[in-house]
């Protein structure tokens, strides 16, 4: 009798695990079908009509594909901003990064593409957070210098690993329209 009681519990547990696994796999299959079977996102178009390459497909995404696209696009369209925004993850020590620009962009202006993306920011919650905040501040009309000051204010006390990012030149101390 005791054996039958445990056997039934074991069977119920096994059926529950199998059912949960089936639901999970079914959900993953539906999600994969919605985004092209797990392939990289489609290329985006710059305001001038030139296409960006497909955005990085992170193994461990830290944000939504839309937010990732928006932040990467901001970094590509506004190098004059992101190269003066510090990053606070360990990338300055582990990867030699000098600013947030290095977290999003590997290089600018190759013959095949206007940018070559760095996958680093798409998998780093600190880089993504700093990038989203820099974009928000820029869209609010802050100058590059004010963006740098505000990012430092928000992140310096929480994260001691600031990149050695230079201060922007005087002409970038003015607010933009």
N, C-alpha and C. Protein backbone atom coordinates (compact mmCIF):
# COMPACT_ATOMS: atom_id res chain seq x y z
N UNK A 1 0.81 -1.19 0.00
CA UNK A 1 0.00 0.00 0.00
C UNK A 1 0.86 1.27 0.00
N UNK A 2 1.90 1.28 0.83
CA UNK A 2 2.79 2.45 0.86
C UNK A 2 3.48 2.60 -0.49
N UNK A 3 3.92 1.49 -1.09
CA UNK A 3 4.57 1.53 -2.39
C UNK A 3 3.65 2.13 -3.44
N UNK A 4 2.39 1.73 -3.45
CA UNK A 4 1.42 2.24 -4.43
C UNK A 4 1.20 3.74 -4.26
N UNK A 5 1.21 4.20 -3.00
CA UNK A 5 1.02 5.63 -2.73
C UNK A 5 2.17 6.45 -3.32
N UNK A 6 3.41 6.01 -3.08
CA UNK A 6 4.57 6.72 -3.61
C UNK A 6 4.66 6.59 -5.13
N UNK A 7 4.29 5.42 -5.65
CA UNK A 7 4.33 5.21 -7.09
C UNK A 7 3.37 6.16 -7.80
N UNK A 8 2.17 6.32 -7.23
CA UNK A 8 1.20 7.24 -7.82
C UNK A 8 1.71 8.68 -7.77
N UNK A 9 2.32 9.07 -6.65
CA UNK A 9 2.88 10.42 -6.54
C UNK A 9 3.99 10.61 -7.57
N UNK A 10 4.82 9.60 -7.70
CA UNK A 10 5.90 9.67 -8.69
C UNK A 10 5.36 9.79 -10.10
N UNK A 11 4.31 9.03 -10.38
CA UNK A 11 3.71 9.07 -11.70
C UNK A 11 3.08 10.44 -11.97
N UNK A 12 2.37 10.97 -10.97
CA UNK A 12 1.76 12.29 -11.11
C UNK A 12 2.86 13.33 -11.33
N UNK A 13 3.96 13.25 -10.59
CA UNK A 13 5.07 14.18 -10.75
C UNK A 13 5.70 14.07 -12.13
N UNK A 14 5.89 12.85 -12.59
CA UNK A 14 6.48 12.64 -13.91
C UNK A 14 5.58 13.19 -15.01
N UNK A 15 4.28 12.96 -14.89
CA UNK A 15 3.32 13.48 -15.88
C UNK A 15 3.33 15.01 -15.85
N UNK A 16 3.39 15.60 -14.67
CA UNK A 16 3.41 17.05 -14.54
C UNK A 16 4.66 17.63 -15.20
N UNK A 17 5.82 17.04 -14.95
CA UNK A 17 7.07 17.50 -15.56
C UNK A 17 7.01 17.35 -17.07
N UNK A 18 6.51 16.23 -17.55
CA UNK A 18 6.40 16.01 -18.99
C UNK A 18 5.47 17.03 -19.64
N UNK A 19 4.34 17.30 -19.00
CA UNK A 19 3.39 18.27 -19.53
C UNK A 19 4.00 19.67 -19.55
N UNK A 20 4.68 20.06 -18.47
CA UNK A 20 5.33 21.37 -18.42
C UNK A 20 6.39 21.48 -19.51
N UNK A 21 7.16 20.42 -19.71
CA UNK A 21 8.17 20.42 -20.77
C UNK A 21 7.54 20.57 -22.14
N UNK A 22 6.44 19.89 -22.39
CA UNK A 22 5.74 20.01 -23.67
C UNK A 22 5.24 21.43 -23.90
N UNK A 23 4.65 22.04 -22.87
CA UNK A 23 4.15 23.42 -22.99
C UNK A 23 5.31 24.37 -23.27
N UNK A 24 6.44 24.20 -22.58
CA UNK A 24 7.61 25.06 -22.78
C UNK A 24 8.14 24.93 -24.20
N UNK A 25 8.29 23.70 -24.67
CA UNK A 25 8.82 23.48 -26.03
C UNK A 25 7.85 24.01 -27.07
N UNK A 26 6.55 23.83 -26.86
CA UNK A 26 5.56 24.38 -27.79
C UNK A 26 5.65 25.90 -27.86
N UNK A 27 5.80 26.53 -26.70
CA UNK A 27 5.94 27.99 -26.66
C UNK A 27 7.19 28.45 -27.37
N UNK A 28 8.30 27.73 -27.19
CA UNK A 28 9.56 28.09 -27.86
C UNK A 28 9.41 27.96 -29.38
N UNK A 29 8.71 26.93 -29.83
CA UNK A 29 8.52 26.74 -31.26
C UNK A 29 7.70 27.88 -31.85
N UNK A 30 6.66 28.32 -31.12
CA UNK A 30 5.86 29.43 -31.61
C UNK A 30 6.67 30.71 -31.64
N UNK A 31 7.47 30.96 -30.61
CA UNK A 31 8.30 32.16 -30.56
C UNK A 31 9.31 32.15 -31.69
N UNK A 32 9.94 31.00 -31.94
CA UNK A 32 10.92 30.91 -33.02
C UNK A 32 10.29 31.20 -34.37
N UNK A 33 9.07 30.75 -34.55
CA UNK A 33 8.39 31.00 -35.81
C UNK A 33 8.08 32.47 -36.01
N UNK A 34 7.89 33.21 -34.93
CA UNK A 34 7.55 34.62 -35.04
C UNK A 34 8.74 35.48 -35.37
N UNK A 35 9.96 35.07 -34.99
CA UNK A 35 11.10 35.93 -35.27
C UNK A 35 12.04 35.34 -36.30
N UNK A 36 11.52 34.57 -37.20
CA UNK A 36 12.35 34.06 -38.28
C UNK A 36 13.15 32.83 -37.90
N UNK A 37 12.65 32.02 -36.99
CA UNK A 37 13.32 30.79 -36.65
C UNK A 37 14.61 31.00 -35.88
N UNK A 38 14.72 32.08 -35.12
CA UNK A 38 15.89 32.31 -34.31
C UNK A 38 17.03 32.98 -35.06
N UNK A 39 16.81 33.43 -36.27
CA UNK A 39 17.85 34.12 -37.02
C UNK A 39 18.00 35.54 -36.51
N UNK A 40 19.07 36.21 -36.94
CA UNK A 40 19.29 37.60 -36.54
C UNK A 40 18.15 38.47 -37.06
N UNK A 41 17.93 39.59 -36.37
CA UNK A 41 16.90 40.52 -36.81
C UNK A 41 17.23 41.04 -38.21
N UNK A 42 16.22 41.46 -38.91
CA UNK A 42 16.42 42.02 -40.23
C UNK A 42 17.17 43.35 -40.15
N UNK A 43 17.81 43.71 -41.23
CA UNK A 43 18.54 44.98 -41.28
C UNK A 43 17.58 46.13 -41.11
N UNK A 44 18.07 47.21 -40.54
CA UNK A 44 17.29 48.42 -40.33
C UNK A 44 17.82 49.46 -41.32
N UNK A 45 17.02 50.46 -41.61
CA UNK A 45 17.44 51.48 -42.57
C UNK A 45 17.73 52.78 -41.85
N UNK A 46 18.85 53.41 -42.21
CA UNK A 46 19.22 54.71 -41.67
C UNK A 46 18.36 55.78 -42.30
N UNK A 47 18.30 56.96 -41.69
CA UNK A 47 17.51 58.04 -42.26
C UNK A 47 17.89 58.37 -43.70
N UNK A 48 19.16 58.21 -44.08
CA UNK A 48 19.61 58.49 -45.44
C UNK A 48 19.33 57.37 -46.41
N UNK A 49 18.68 56.28 -45.95
CA UNK A 49 18.35 55.17 -46.83
C UNK A 49 19.37 54.05 -46.80
N UNK A 50 20.53 54.26 -46.20
CA UNK A 50 21.55 53.23 -46.12
C UNK A 50 21.16 52.22 -45.05
N UNK A 51 21.35 50.94 -45.32
CA UNK A 51 20.93 49.91 -44.38
C UNK A 51 22.01 49.61 -43.35
N UNK A 52 21.58 49.37 -42.12
CA UNK A 52 22.46 48.83 -41.09
C UNK A 52 22.52 47.33 -41.29
N UNK A 53 23.60 46.71 -40.86
CA UNK A 53 23.62 45.25 -40.90
C UNK A 53 22.65 44.70 -39.86
N UNK A 54 22.33 43.42 -39.92
CA UNK A 54 21.46 42.84 -38.89
C UNK A 54 22.04 43.08 -37.50
N UNK A 55 21.18 43.32 -36.56
CA UNK A 55 21.62 43.58 -35.19
C UNK A 55 22.10 42.29 -34.55
N UNK A 56 22.96 42.39 -33.54
CA UNK A 56 23.47 41.18 -32.89
C UNK A 56 22.34 40.34 -32.30
N UNK A 57 22.50 39.07 -32.39
CA UNK A 57 21.55 38.12 -31.79
C UNK A 57 22.24 37.54 -30.56
N UNK A 58 22.00 38.14 -29.39
CA UNK A 58 22.71 37.69 -28.19
C UNK A 58 22.29 36.30 -27.73
N UNK A 59 23.26 35.59 -27.19
CA UNK A 59 22.97 34.28 -26.62
C UNK A 59 22.12 34.45 -25.36
N UNK A 60 22.43 35.50 -24.58
CA UNK A 60 21.70 35.80 -23.35
C UNK A 60 21.24 37.25 -23.40
N UNK A 61 20.12 37.54 -24.07
CA UNK A 61 19.67 38.93 -24.20
C UNK A 61 19.31 39.54 -22.86
N UNK A 62 19.60 40.83 -22.73
CA UNK A 62 19.29 41.54 -21.49
C UNK A 62 18.15 42.53 -21.68
N UNK A 63 17.62 42.63 -22.89
CA UNK A 63 16.51 43.54 -23.15
C UNK A 63 15.70 43.02 -24.33
N UNK A 64 14.60 43.71 -24.63
CA UNK A 64 13.76 43.30 -25.75
C UNK A 64 14.48 43.57 -27.07
N UNK A 65 14.13 42.86 -28.13
CA UNK A 65 14.75 43.14 -29.43
C UNK A 65 14.54 44.59 -29.88
N UNK A 66 13.37 45.15 -29.58
CA UNK A 66 13.08 46.53 -29.98
C UNK A 66 13.98 47.52 -29.25
N UNK A 67 14.13 47.34 -27.94
CA UNK A 67 14.99 48.23 -27.15
C UNK A 67 16.45 48.08 -27.58
N UNK A 68 16.87 46.86 -27.86
CA UNK A 68 18.23 46.62 -28.33
C UNK A 68 18.45 47.33 -29.66
N UNK A 69 17.50 47.18 -30.59
CA UNK A 69 17.60 47.84 -31.89
C UNK A 69 17.67 49.36 -31.73
N UNK A 70 16.81 49.92 -30.90
CA UNK A 70 16.78 51.37 -30.71
C UNK A 70 18.09 51.90 -30.13
N UNK A 71 18.66 51.17 -29.17
CA UNK A 71 19.88 51.62 -28.53
C UNK A 71 21.07 51.47 -29.47
N UNK A 72 21.16 50.36 -30.19
CA UNK A 72 22.23 50.18 -31.18
C UNK A 72 22.13 51.23 -32.29
N UNK A 73 20.91 51.50 -32.75
CA UNK A 73 20.73 52.51 -33.79
C UNK A 73 21.16 53.88 -33.29
N UNK A 74 20.81 54.22 -32.06
CA UNK A 74 21.24 55.48 -31.46
C UNK A 74 22.76 55.57 -31.45
N UNK A 75 23.42 54.50 -31.03
CA UNK A 75 24.89 54.50 -30.98
C UNK A 75 25.50 54.70 -32.37
N UNK A 76 24.90 54.09 -33.39
CA UNK A 76 25.42 54.22 -34.75
C UNK A 76 25.18 55.61 -35.33
N UNK A 77 24.03 56.18 -35.04
CA UNK A 77 23.69 57.49 -35.61
C UNK A 77 24.31 58.65 -34.85
N UNK A 78 24.73 58.41 -33.61
CA UNK A 78 25.25 59.50 -32.79
C UNK A 78 26.59 59.15 -32.14
N UNK A 79 27.61 58.88 -32.96
CA UNK A 79 28.93 58.58 -32.38
C UNK A 79 29.49 59.77 -31.61
N UNK A 80 29.08 60.98 -31.97
CA UNK A 80 29.53 62.18 -31.26
C UNK A 80 29.02 62.23 -29.83
N UNK A 81 28.02 61.41 -29.52
CA UNK A 81 27.49 61.32 -28.16
C UNK A 81 28.13 60.15 -27.43
N UNK A 82 27.98 58.94 -27.98
CA UNK A 82 28.39 57.74 -27.24
C UNK A 82 29.90 57.64 -27.02
N UNK A 83 30.70 58.30 -27.84
CA UNK A 83 32.14 58.22 -27.59
C UNK A 83 32.57 59.07 -26.39
N UNK A 84 31.65 59.90 -25.86
CA UNK A 84 31.92 60.68 -24.65
C UNK A 84 31.10 60.21 -23.45
N UNK A 85 30.38 59.10 -23.61
CA UNK A 85 29.60 58.54 -22.51
C UNK A 85 30.40 57.39 -21.92
N UNK A 86 30.68 57.44 -20.61
CA UNK A 86 31.43 56.35 -20.00
C UNK A 86 30.58 55.10 -19.81
N UNK A 87 31.25 53.97 -19.76
CA UNK A 87 30.58 52.72 -19.41
C UNK A 87 31.10 52.30 -18.05
N UNK A 88 30.30 51.52 -17.34
CA UNK A 88 30.63 51.14 -15.98
C UNK A 88 30.74 49.64 -15.74
N UNK A 89 30.70 48.84 -16.78
CA UNK A 89 30.93 47.41 -16.56
C UNK A 89 32.45 47.19 -16.57
N UNK A 90 32.88 45.99 -16.56
CA UNK A 90 34.32 45.70 -16.53
C UNK A 90 34.98 45.77 -17.91
N UNK A 91 34.27 46.26 -18.92
CA UNK A 91 34.80 46.22 -20.29
C UNK A 91 36.09 47.03 -20.46
N UNK A 92 36.28 48.06 -19.64
CA UNK A 92 37.51 48.84 -19.76
C UNK A 92 38.72 47.99 -19.37
N UNK A 93 38.53 47.12 -18.40
CA UNK A 93 39.62 46.26 -17.94
C UNK A 93 39.75 44.98 -18.77
N UNK A 94 38.62 44.39 -19.13
CA UNK A 94 38.66 43.09 -19.82
C UNK A 94 38.73 43.20 -21.34
N UNK A 95 38.25 44.33 -21.90
CA UNK A 95 38.19 44.45 -23.35
C UNK A 95 38.90 45.70 -23.87
N UNK A 96 39.39 46.53 -22.99
CA UNK A 96 40.09 47.74 -23.41
C UNK A 96 39.19 48.85 -23.91
N UNK A 97 37.91 48.83 -23.56
CA UNK A 97 36.99 49.86 -24.02
C UNK A 97 37.32 51.22 -23.40
N UNK A 98 37.10 52.28 -24.19
CA UNK A 98 37.35 53.65 -23.73
C UNK A 98 36.05 54.42 -23.48
N UNK A 99 34.94 53.96 -24.06
CA UNK A 99 33.66 54.63 -23.88
C UNK A 99 32.53 53.67 -24.25
N UNK A 100 31.31 54.14 -24.09
CA UNK A 100 30.14 53.34 -24.44
C UNK A 100 30.12 52.98 -25.93
N UNK A 101 30.70 53.82 -26.75
CA UNK A 101 30.74 53.53 -28.19
C UNK A 101 31.35 52.16 -28.46
N UNK A 102 32.41 51.82 -27.74
CA UNK A 102 33.08 50.53 -27.95
C UNK A 102 32.20 49.35 -27.58
N UNK A 103 31.24 49.55 -26.70
CA UNK A 103 30.34 48.48 -26.28
C UNK A 103 29.34 48.11 -27.37
N UNK A 104 28.99 49.08 -28.20
CA UNK A 104 27.98 48.88 -29.24
C UNK A 104 28.57 48.72 -30.65
N UNK A 105 29.65 49.42 -30.93
CA UNK A 105 30.19 49.48 -32.29
C UNK A 105 31.63 48.96 -32.31
N UNK A 106 31.90 47.98 -33.17
CA UNK A 106 33.29 47.51 -33.34
C UNK A 106 34.06 48.44 -34.26
N UNK A 107 33.39 48.88 -35.35
CA UNK A 107 34.03 49.83 -36.27
C UNK A 107 32.97 50.55 -37.08
N UNK A 108 33.36 51.71 -37.59
CA UNK A 108 32.47 52.53 -38.43
C UNK A 108 32.98 52.53 -39.87
N UNK A 109 32.05 52.57 -40.81
CA UNK A 109 32.34 52.87 -42.19
C UNK A 109 33.18 51.88 -42.97
N UNK A 110 32.88 50.60 -42.88
CA UNK A 110 33.56 49.64 -43.75
C UNK A 110 32.93 49.72 -45.13
N UNK A 111 33.58 49.11 -46.09
CA UNK A 111 33.04 49.16 -47.46
C UNK A 111 31.73 48.40 -47.60
N UNK A 112 31.49 47.41 -46.76
CA UNK A 112 30.27 46.61 -46.85
C UNK A 112 29.13 47.15 -46.00
N UNK A 113 29.45 47.96 -45.02
CA UNK A 113 28.45 48.35 -44.05
C UNK A 113 28.84 49.67 -43.38
N UNK A 114 27.85 50.48 -42.98
CA UNK A 114 28.19 51.72 -42.28
C UNK A 114 28.77 51.47 -40.88
N UNK A 115 28.43 50.31 -40.28
CA UNK A 115 28.96 49.95 -38.96
C UNK A 115 29.18 48.45 -38.87
N UNK A 116 30.04 48.06 -37.96
CA UNK A 116 30.16 46.66 -37.56
C UNK A 116 29.82 46.64 -36.07
N UNK A 117 28.78 45.91 -35.74
CA UNK A 117 28.31 45.88 -34.36
C UNK A 117 29.25 45.11 -33.45
N UNK A 118 29.29 45.52 -32.20
CA UNK A 118 29.90 44.74 -31.13
C UNK A 118 28.76 44.04 -30.42
N UNK A 119 28.89 42.77 -30.17
CA UNK A 119 27.83 42.00 -29.51
C UNK A 119 27.80 42.27 -27.99
N UNK A 120 28.87 42.85 -27.50
CA UNK A 120 29.03 43.01 -26.04
C UNK A 120 27.82 43.68 -25.38
N UNK A 121 27.37 44.82 -25.86
CA UNK A 121 26.29 45.56 -25.20
C UNK A 121 24.98 44.77 -25.17
N UNK A 122 24.74 43.95 -26.18
CA UNK A 122 23.48 43.21 -26.22
C UNK A 122 23.40 42.14 -25.13
N UNK A 123 24.54 41.80 -24.53
CA UNK A 123 24.57 40.78 -23.48
C UNK A 123 24.99 41.35 -22.13
N UNK A 124 25.12 42.67 -22.02
CA UNK A 124 25.58 43.29 -20.78
C UNK A 124 24.52 44.26 -20.28
N UNK A 125 23.96 43.97 -19.12
CA UNK A 125 22.88 44.80 -18.59
C UNK A 125 23.37 46.21 -18.25
N UNK A 126 24.63 46.36 -17.84
CA UNK A 126 25.14 47.69 -17.51
C UNK A 126 25.27 48.53 -18.78
N UNK A 127 25.88 47.98 -19.82
CA UNK A 127 26.03 48.72 -21.08
C UNK A 127 24.67 49.11 -21.66
N UNK A 128 23.74 48.16 -21.65
CA UNK A 128 22.40 48.42 -22.17
C UNK A 128 21.70 49.52 -21.38
N UNK A 129 21.82 49.46 -20.07
CA UNK A 129 21.19 50.46 -19.22
C UNK A 129 21.78 51.85 -19.46
N UNK A 130 23.11 51.94 -19.53
CA UNK A 130 23.77 53.23 -19.78
C UNK A 130 23.38 53.74 -21.17
N UNK A 131 23.36 52.86 -22.16
CA UNK A 131 22.99 53.26 -23.52
C UNK A 131 21.57 53.78 -23.62
N UNK A 132 20.64 53.10 -22.97
CA UNK A 132 19.24 53.54 -22.99
C UNK A 132 19.09 54.89 -22.30
N UNK A 133 19.83 55.08 -21.20
CA UNK A 133 19.74 56.35 -20.48
C UNK A 133 20.38 57.47 -21.29
N UNK A 134 21.50 57.22 -21.94
CA UNK A 134 22.13 58.23 -22.79
C UNK A 134 21.19 58.63 -23.93
N UNK A 135 20.52 57.67 -24.52
CA UNK A 135 19.55 57.95 -25.59
C UNK A 135 18.41 58.80 -25.07
N UNK A 136 17.88 58.44 -23.91
CA UNK A 136 16.77 59.20 -23.32
C UNK A 136 17.17 60.64 -23.05
N UNK A 137 18.35 60.83 -22.50
CA UNK A 137 18.84 62.18 -22.19
C UNK A 137 19.07 62.99 -23.47
N UNK A 138 19.60 62.33 -24.50
CA UNK A 138 19.82 63.00 -25.78
C UNK A 138 18.48 63.45 -26.38
N UNK A 139 17.51 62.54 -26.36
CA UNK A 139 16.18 62.89 -26.91
C UNK A 139 15.49 63.98 -26.10
N UNK A 140 15.89 64.13 -24.83
CA UNK A 140 15.35 65.20 -23.99
C UNK A 140 16.05 66.53 -24.26
N UNK A 141 17.07 66.53 -25.12
CA UNK A 141 17.73 67.77 -25.51
C UNK A 141 18.98 68.13 -24.74
N UNK A 142 19.49 67.26 -23.88
CA UNK A 142 20.69 67.57 -23.12
C UNK A 142 21.93 67.62 -24.02
N UNK A 143 22.89 68.42 -23.65
CA UNK A 143 24.15 68.48 -24.37
C UNK A 143 24.95 67.21 -24.07
N UNK A 144 25.96 66.95 -24.89
CA UNK A 144 26.79 65.77 -24.68
C UNK A 144 27.48 65.85 -23.31
N UNK A 145 27.97 67.02 -22.95
CA UNK A 145 28.62 67.19 -21.64
C UNK A 145 27.62 66.93 -20.51
N UNK A 146 26.40 67.43 -20.64
CA UNK A 146 25.39 67.21 -19.60
C UNK A 146 24.99 65.73 -19.52
N UNK A 147 24.97 65.06 -20.66
CA UNK A 147 24.69 63.61 -20.66
C UNK A 147 25.80 62.89 -19.90
N UNK A 148 27.04 63.23 -20.17
CA UNK A 148 28.16 62.60 -19.48
C UNK A 148 28.08 62.84 -17.96
N UNK A 149 27.78 64.05 -17.58
CA UNK A 149 27.67 64.40 -16.15
C UNK A 149 26.53 63.60 -15.50
N UNK A 150 25.39 63.52 -16.16
CA UNK A 150 24.23 62.81 -15.59
C UNK A 150 24.49 61.30 -15.50
N UNK A 151 25.12 60.73 -16.53
CA UNK A 151 25.45 59.30 -16.48
C UNK A 151 26.41 59.04 -15.32
N UNK A 152 27.43 59.89 -15.17
CA UNK A 152 28.35 59.75 -14.04
C UNK A 152 27.61 59.84 -12.71
N UNK A 153 26.70 60.79 -12.60
CA UNK A 153 25.94 60.97 -11.36
C UNK A 153 25.14 59.70 -11.02
N UNK A 154 24.53 59.11 -12.02
CA UNK A 154 23.68 57.94 -11.79
C UNK A 154 24.46 56.65 -11.53
N UNK A 155 25.62 56.49 -12.17
CA UNK A 155 26.29 55.19 -12.14
C UNK A 155 27.58 55.13 -11.32
N UNK A 156 28.26 56.25 -11.14
CA UNK A 156 29.59 56.23 -10.50
C UNK A 156 29.57 55.61 -9.11
N UNK A 157 28.59 55.93 -8.30
CA UNK A 157 28.56 55.40 -6.92
C UNK A 157 28.21 53.91 -6.88
N UNK A 158 27.54 53.41 -7.90
CA UNK A 158 27.11 52.01 -7.92
C UNK A 158 28.13 51.08 -8.57
N UNK A 159 28.86 51.60 -9.55
CA UNK A 159 29.79 50.79 -10.33
C UNK A 159 31.15 51.48 -10.39
N UNK A 160 32.16 50.92 -9.75
CA UNK A 160 33.47 51.60 -9.68
C UNK A 160 34.32 51.49 -10.95
N UNK A 161 33.91 50.70 -11.92
CA UNK A 161 34.75 50.44 -13.09
C UNK A 161 34.41 51.34 -14.28
N UNK A 162 34.61 52.62 -14.14
CA UNK A 162 34.31 53.59 -15.20
C UNK A 162 35.40 53.52 -16.28
N UNK A 163 34.96 53.58 -17.54
CA UNK A 163 35.94 53.67 -18.63
C UNK A 163 36.65 55.02 -18.54
N UNK A 164 37.83 55.08 -19.10
CA UNK A 164 38.62 56.32 -19.11
C UNK A 164 38.15 57.18 -20.28
N UNK A 165 36.93 57.68 -20.17
CA UNK A 165 36.28 58.43 -21.23
C UNK A 165 36.62 59.91 -21.11
N UNK A 166 37.08 60.53 -22.21
CA UNK A 166 37.44 61.95 -22.13
C UNK A 166 36.22 62.85 -22.04
N UNK A 167 36.44 64.07 -21.60
CA UNK A 167 35.39 65.08 -21.60
C UNK A 167 35.18 65.53 -23.04
N UNK A 168 33.94 65.78 -23.44
CA UNK A 168 33.69 66.22 -24.81
C UNK A 168 34.27 67.62 -25.06
N UNK A 169 34.58 67.92 -26.33
CA UNK A 169 35.08 69.26 -26.64
C UNK A 169 34.04 70.34 -26.35
N UNK A 170 34.49 71.56 -26.22
CA UNK A 170 33.63 72.69 -25.81
C UNK A 170 32.39 72.82 -26.69
N UNK A 171 32.49 72.57 -27.99
CA UNK A 171 31.33 72.76 -28.86
C UNK A 171 30.21 71.74 -28.55
N UNK A 172 30.52 70.68 -27.83
CA UNK A 172 29.50 69.70 -27.46
C UNK A 172 28.94 69.95 -26.06
N UNK A 173 29.29 71.10 -25.48
CA UNK A 173 28.75 71.46 -24.18
C UNK A 173 27.42 72.19 -24.31
N UNK A 174 27.04 72.51 -25.53
CA UNK A 174 25.78 73.23 -25.77
C UNK A 174 24.65 72.25 -26.00
N UNK A 175 23.46 72.61 -25.55
CA UNK A 175 22.29 71.78 -25.79
C UNK A 175 21.99 71.74 -27.28
N UNK A 176 21.40 70.65 -27.72
CA UNK A 176 21.00 70.53 -29.13
C UNK A 176 19.49 70.67 -29.22
N UNK A 177 19.02 70.86 -30.44
CA UNK A 177 17.56 71.01 -30.65
C UNK A 177 16.95 69.72 -31.07
